[in-house]
Amino acid sequence: MSWEIETIDSAGDVGYASSIMLDSLEQPHICYNDMTKGDLKYAYCNGSSWIIATVDSDGRVGSHTSFALDSDGSPRISYSDYSHNDLKYAYNNGSSWEIETVDRDGWVGEWTSLALDSNDRPYISYFDTTNKDLKYAWFG
């Protein structure tokens, strides 16, 4: 066996802060930052080619990503919004991306880690740079 390498996106300075998951068919799904545009992007392989979508393009977003697939195989992403220093959460509702600001109290949202429970509810741990604290957010 040997490593195989494939370029997914080469449109500028892309791939920073990437996170990967495999779906039930073992197809890769990746979220990452497009540093050239300052966008959060999502790519997945449909078995034969890569599909790339811009998730959030409001300012400089998409750093410190963490990623999970819900029970339906839909992507869920936690990430930092550098333009506003906020923690954000995005999910695909089947037809478009829904974006929520989870925490905006100071400079928050770095080094996110996302997990989903058995009901697909998100749980996020992250760093609060302003207070130098570890924080935890969940949707109840």
C-alpha atoms as a PDB file:
ATOM      1  CA  MET A   1       0.000   0.000   0.000  1.00  0.00           C
ATOM      2  CA  SER A   2       1.055   3.578  -0.591  1.00  0.00           C
ATOM      3  CA  TRP A   3      -0.364   7.056  -0.077  1.00  0.00           C
ATOM      4  CA  GLU A   4      -2.470   8.512  -2.876  1.00  0.00           C
ATOM      5  CA  ILE A   5      -2.704  12.288  -3.150  1.00  0.00           C
ATOM      6  CA  GLU A   6      -5.383  14.300  -4.913  1.00  0.00           C
ATOM      7  CA  THR A   7      -5.894  18.067  -5.255  1.00  0.00           C
ATOM      8  CA  ILE A   8      -9.462  19.008  -4.359  1.00  0.00           C
ATOM      9  CA  ASP A   9      -9.436  22.812  -4.647  1.00  0.00           C
ATOM     10  CA  SER A  10      -6.662  24.940  -6.106  1.00  0.00           C
ATOM     11  CA  ALA A  11      -8.486  28.271  -6.440  1.00  0.00           C
ATOM     12  CA  GLY A  12      -6.028  30.406  -4.464  1.00  0.00           C
ATOM     13  CA  ASP A  13      -4.732  29.903  -0.939  1.00  0.00           C
ATOM     14  CA  VAL A  14      -7.162  27.174   0.142  1.00  0.00           C
ATOM     15  CA  GLY A  15      -7.192  24.310   2.637  1.00  0.00           C
ATOM     16  CA  TYR A  16      -6.295  26.085   5.863  1.00  0.00           C
ATOM     17  CA  ALA A  17      -7.897  24.720   9.053  1.00  0.00           C
ATOM     18  CA  SER A  18      -9.362  21.683   7.340  1.00  0.00           C
ATOM     19  CA  SER A  19     -11.400  18.944   8.987  1.00  0.00           C
ATOM     20  CA  ILE A  20     -12.464  15.642   7.419  1.00  0.00           C
ATOM     21  CA  MET A  21     -15.160  13.005   7.980  1.00  0.00           C
ATOM     22  CA  LEU A  22     -16.107   9.871   6.075  1.00  0.00           C
ATOM     23  CA  ASP A  23     -19.771   9.167   5.373  1.00  0.00           C
ATOM     24  CA  SER A  24     -21.458   5.749   5.616  1.00  0.00           C
ATOM     25  CA  LEU A  25     -20.171   4.910   2.108  1.00  0.00           C
ATOM     26  CA  GLU A  26     -16.653   5.933   3.188  1.00  0.00           C
ATOM     27  CA  GLN A  27     -16.688   8.960   0.890  1.00  0.00           C
ATOM     28  CA  PRO A  28     -14.700  11.946   2.227  1.00  0.00           C
ATOM     29  CA  HIS A  29     -16.280  15.234   3.288  1.00  0.00           C
ATOM     30  CA  ILE A  30     -13.973  18.157   4.094  1.00  0.00           C
ATOM     31  CA  CYS A  31     -14.544  21.653   5.466  1.00  0.00           C
ATOM     32  CA  TYR A  32     -11.781  24.241   5.178  1.00  0.00           C
ATOM     33  CA  ASN A  33     -10.883  27.894   4.910  1.00  0.00           C
ATOM     34  CA  ASP A  34     -10.305  29.724   1.641  1.00  0.00           C
ATOM     35  CA  MET A  35      -7.691  32.253   2.795  1.00  0.00           C
ATOM     36  CA  THR A  36      -7.772  34.094  -0.550  1.00  0.00           C
ATOM     37  CA  LYS A  37     -11.455  35.021  -0.206  1.00  0.00           C
ATOM     38  CA  GLY A  38     -11.803  34.585   3.565  1.00  0.00           C
ATOM     39  CA  ASP A  39     -14.616  32.029   3.112  1.00  0.00           C
ATOM     40  CA  LEU A  40     -15.640  28.788   4.788  1.00  0.00           C
ATOM     41  CA  LYS A  41     -15.874  26.044   2.167  1.00  0.00           C
ATOM     42  CA  TYR A  42     -17.141  22.468   2.105  1.00  0.00           C
ATOM     43  CA  ALA A  43     -16.174  19.730  -0.345  1.00  0.00           C
ATOM     44  CA  TYR A  44     -17.347  16.163  -0.706  1.00  0.00           C
ATOM     45  CA  CYS A  45     -16.698  13.347  -3.109  1.00  0.00           C
ATOM     46  CA  ASN A  46     -19.806  11.880  -4.732  1.00  0.00           C
ATOM     47  CA  GLY A  47     -17.895   8.761  -5.759  1.00  0.00           C
ATOM     48  CA  SER A  48     -16.512  10.111  -9.012  1.00  0.00           C
ATOM     49  CA  SER A  49     -15.856  13.847  -8.568  1.00  0.00           C
ATOM     50  CA  TRP A  50     -15.549  16.561  -5.941  1.00  0.00           C
ATOM     51  CA  ILE A  51     -18.424  18.952  -5.240  1.00  0.00           C
ATOM     52  CA  ILE A  52     -17.323  22.247  -3.646  1.00  0.00           C
ATOM     53  CA  ALA A  53     -19.624  24.757  -1.942  1.00  0.00           C
ATOM     54  CA  THR A  54     -19.078  28.054  -0.158  1.00  0.00           C
ATOM     55  CA  VAL A  55     -20.774  27.798   3.233  1.00  0.00           C
ATOM     56  CA  ASP A  56     -20.140  31.282   4.651  1.00  0.00           C
ATOM     57  CA  SER A  57     -18.633  34.291   2.898  1.00  0.00           C
ATOM     58  CA  ASP A  58     -19.651  37.062   5.314  1.00  0.00           C
ATOM     59  CA  GLY A  59     -16.297  38.648   6.145  1.00  0.00           C
ATOM     60  CA  ARG A  60     -13.233  36.572   7.060  1.00  0.00           C
ATOM     61  CA  VAL A  61     -14.672  33.285   8.283  1.00  0.00           C
ATOM     62  CA  GLY A  62     -13.899  29.595   8.404  1.00  0.00           C
ATOM     63  CA  SER A  63     -10.895  29.324  10.645  1.00  0.00           C
ATOM     64  CA  HIS A  64     -10.577  26.755  13.430  1.00  0.00           C
ATOM     65  CA  THR A  65     -13.121  24.418  11.856  1.00  0.00           C
ATOM     66  CA  SER A  66     -14.527  21.251  13.337  1.00  0.00           C
ATOM     67  CA  PHE A  67     -16.869  19.025  11.428  1.00  0.00           C
ATOM     68  CA  ALA A  68     -19.403  16.234  11.891  1.00  0.00           C
ATOM     69  CA  LEU A  69     -21.938  14.423   9.759  1.00  0.00           C
ATOM     70  CA  ASP A  70     -25.393  14.031  11.270  1.00  0.00           C
ATOM     71  CA  SER A  71     -27.478  10.843  11.170  1.00  0.00           C
ATOM     72  CA  ASP A  72     -28.698  11.764   7.664  1.00  0.00           C
ATOM     73  CA  GLY A  73     -25.140  12.349   6.442  1.00  0.00           C
ATOM     74  CA  SER A  74     -25.581  16.141   6.338  1.00  0.00           C
ATOM     75  CA  PRO A  75     -22.608  18.305   7.319  1.00  0.00           C
ATOM     76  CA  ARG A  76     -22.441  20.318  10.543  1.00  0.00           C
ATOM     77  CA  ILE A  77     -19.549  22.741  11.076  1.00  0.00           C
ATOM     78  CA  SER A  78     -18.306  24.863  13.977  1.00  0.00           C
ATOM     79  CA  TYR A  79     -15.827  27.604  13.146  1.00  0.00           C
ATOM     80  CA  SER A  80     -14.400  31.002  13.960  1.00  0.00           C
ATOM     81  CA  ASP A  81     -15.582  34.255  12.390  1.00  0.00           C
ATOM     82  CA  TYR A  82     -12.454  36.438  12.421  1.00  0.00           C
ATOM     83  CA  SER A  83     -14.283  39.542  11.188  1.00  0.00           C
ATOM     84  CA  HIS A  84     -16.404  39.628  14.334  1.00  0.00           C
ATOM     85  CA  ASN A  85     -14.337  37.313  16.620  1.00  0.00           C
ATOM     86  CA  ASP A  86     -17.388  35.070  17.071  1.00  0.00           C
ATOM     87  CA  LEU A  87     -18.059  31.348  17.307  1.00  0.00           C
ATOM     88  CA  LYS A  88     -20.338  30.232  14.471  1.00  0.00           C
ATOM     89  CA  TYR A  89     -22.168  27.044  13.562  1.00  0.00           C
ATOM     90  CA  ALA A  90     -23.395  26.036  10.093  1.00  0.00           C
ATOM     91  CA  TYR A  91     -25.524  23.160   8.858  1.00  0.00           C
ATOM     92  CA  ASN A  92     -27.158  22.245   5.607  1.00  0.00           C
ATOM     93  CA  ASN A  93     -30.968  22.054   5.806  1.00  0.00           C
ATOM     94  CA  GLY A  94     -31.205  20.054   2.572  1.00  0.00           C
ATOM     95  CA  SER A  95     -31.434  23.020   0.231  1.00  0.00           C
ATOM     96  CA  SER A  96     -29.241  25.758   1.720  1.00  0.00           C
ATOM     97  CA  TRP A  97     -26.792  26.549   4.514  1.00  0.00           C
ATOM     98  CA  GLU A  98     -28.119  27.800   7.844  1.00  0.00           C
ATOM     99  CA  ILE A  99     -25.611  29.863   9.822  1.00  0.00           C
ATOM    100  CA  GLU A 100     -25.890  30.719  13.516  1.00  0.00           C
ATOM    101  CA  THR A 101     -23.718  32.824  15.791  1.00  0.00           C
ATOM    102  CA  VAL A 102     -23.273  30.748  18.949  1.00  0.00           C
ATOM    103  CA  ASP A 103     -21.122  33.114  21.044  1.00  0.00           C
ATOM    104  CA  ARG A 104     -20.139  36.718  20.432  1.00  0.00           C
ATOM    105  CA  ASP A 105     -19.025  37.688  23.953  1.00  0.00           C
ATOM    106  CA  GLY A 106     -15.469  38.935  23.352  1.00  0.00           C
ATOM    107  CA  TRP A 107     -12.965  37.236  21.060  1.00  0.00           C
ATOM    108  CA  VAL A 108     -14.274  33.677  21.051  1.00  0.00           C
ATOM    109  CA  GLY A 109     -14.464  30.669  18.758  1.00  0.00           C
ATOM    110  CA  GLU A 110     -10.890  29.586  18.295  1.00  0.00           C
ATOM    111  CA  TRP A 111      -9.865  25.910  18.321  1.00  0.00           C
ATOM    112  CA  THR A 112     -13.418  24.590  18.078  1.00  0.00           C
ATOM    113  CA  SER A 113     -14.302  20.948  18.545  1.00  0.00           C
ATOM    114  CA  LEU A 114     -17.778  19.740  17.522  1.00  0.00           C
ATOM    115  CA  ALA A 115     -19.679  16.607  18.498  1.00  0.00           C
ATOM    116  CA  LEU A 116     -23.284  15.563  17.832  1.00  0.00           C
ATOM    117  CA  ASP A 117     -25.391  13.490  20.200  1.00  0.00           C
ATOM    118  CA  SER A 118     -27.720  10.669  19.122  1.00  0.00           C
ATOM    119  CA  ASN A 119     -30.427  13.268  18.305  1.00  0.00           C
ATOM    120  CA  ASP A 120     -28.017  15.345  16.148  1.00  0.00           C
ATOM    121  CA  ARG A 121     -27.838  18.144  18.743  1.00  0.00           C
ATOM    122  CA  PRO A 122     -24.493  19.996  18.545  1.00  0.00           C
ATOM    123  CA  TYR A 123     -21.989  20.329  21.381  1.00  0.00           C
ATOM    124  CA  ILE A 124     -19.009  22.641  20.876  1.00  0.00           C
ATOM    125  CA  SER A 125     -15.909  23.250  22.957  1.00  0.00           C
ATOM    126  CA  TYR A 126     -13.778  26.268  22.076  1.00  0.00           C
ATOM    127  CA  PHE A 127     -11.256  28.795  23.313  1.00  0.00           C
ATOM    128  CA  ASP A 128     -12.249  32.237  24.609  1.00  0.00           C
ATOM    129  CA  THR A 129      -9.198  34.347  23.682  1.00  0.00           C
ATOM    130  CA  THR A 130     -10.418  37.424  25.588  1.00  0.00           C
ATOM    131  CA  ASN A 131     -10.629  35.640  28.954  1.00  0.00           C
ATOM    132  CA  LYS A 132      -8.190  32.791  28.194  1.00  0.00           C
ATOM    133  CA  ASP A 133     -10.930  30.274  29.054  1.00  0.00           C
ATOM    134  CA  LEU A 134     -12.133  26.957  27.722  1.00  0.00           C
ATOM    135  CA  LYS A 135     -15.850  27.263  26.908  1.00  0.00           C
ATOM    136  CA  TYR A 136     -18.576  24.771  26.076  1.00  0.00           C
ATOM    137  CA  ALA A 137     -21.820  25.436  24.182  1.00  0.00           C
ATOM    138  CA  TRP A 138     -24.699  23.129  23.393  1.00  0.00           C
ATOM    139  CA  PHE A 139     -28.081  23.397  21.780  1.00  0.00           C
ATOM    140  CA  GLY A 140     -30.725  22.157  24.206  1.00  0.00           C
END
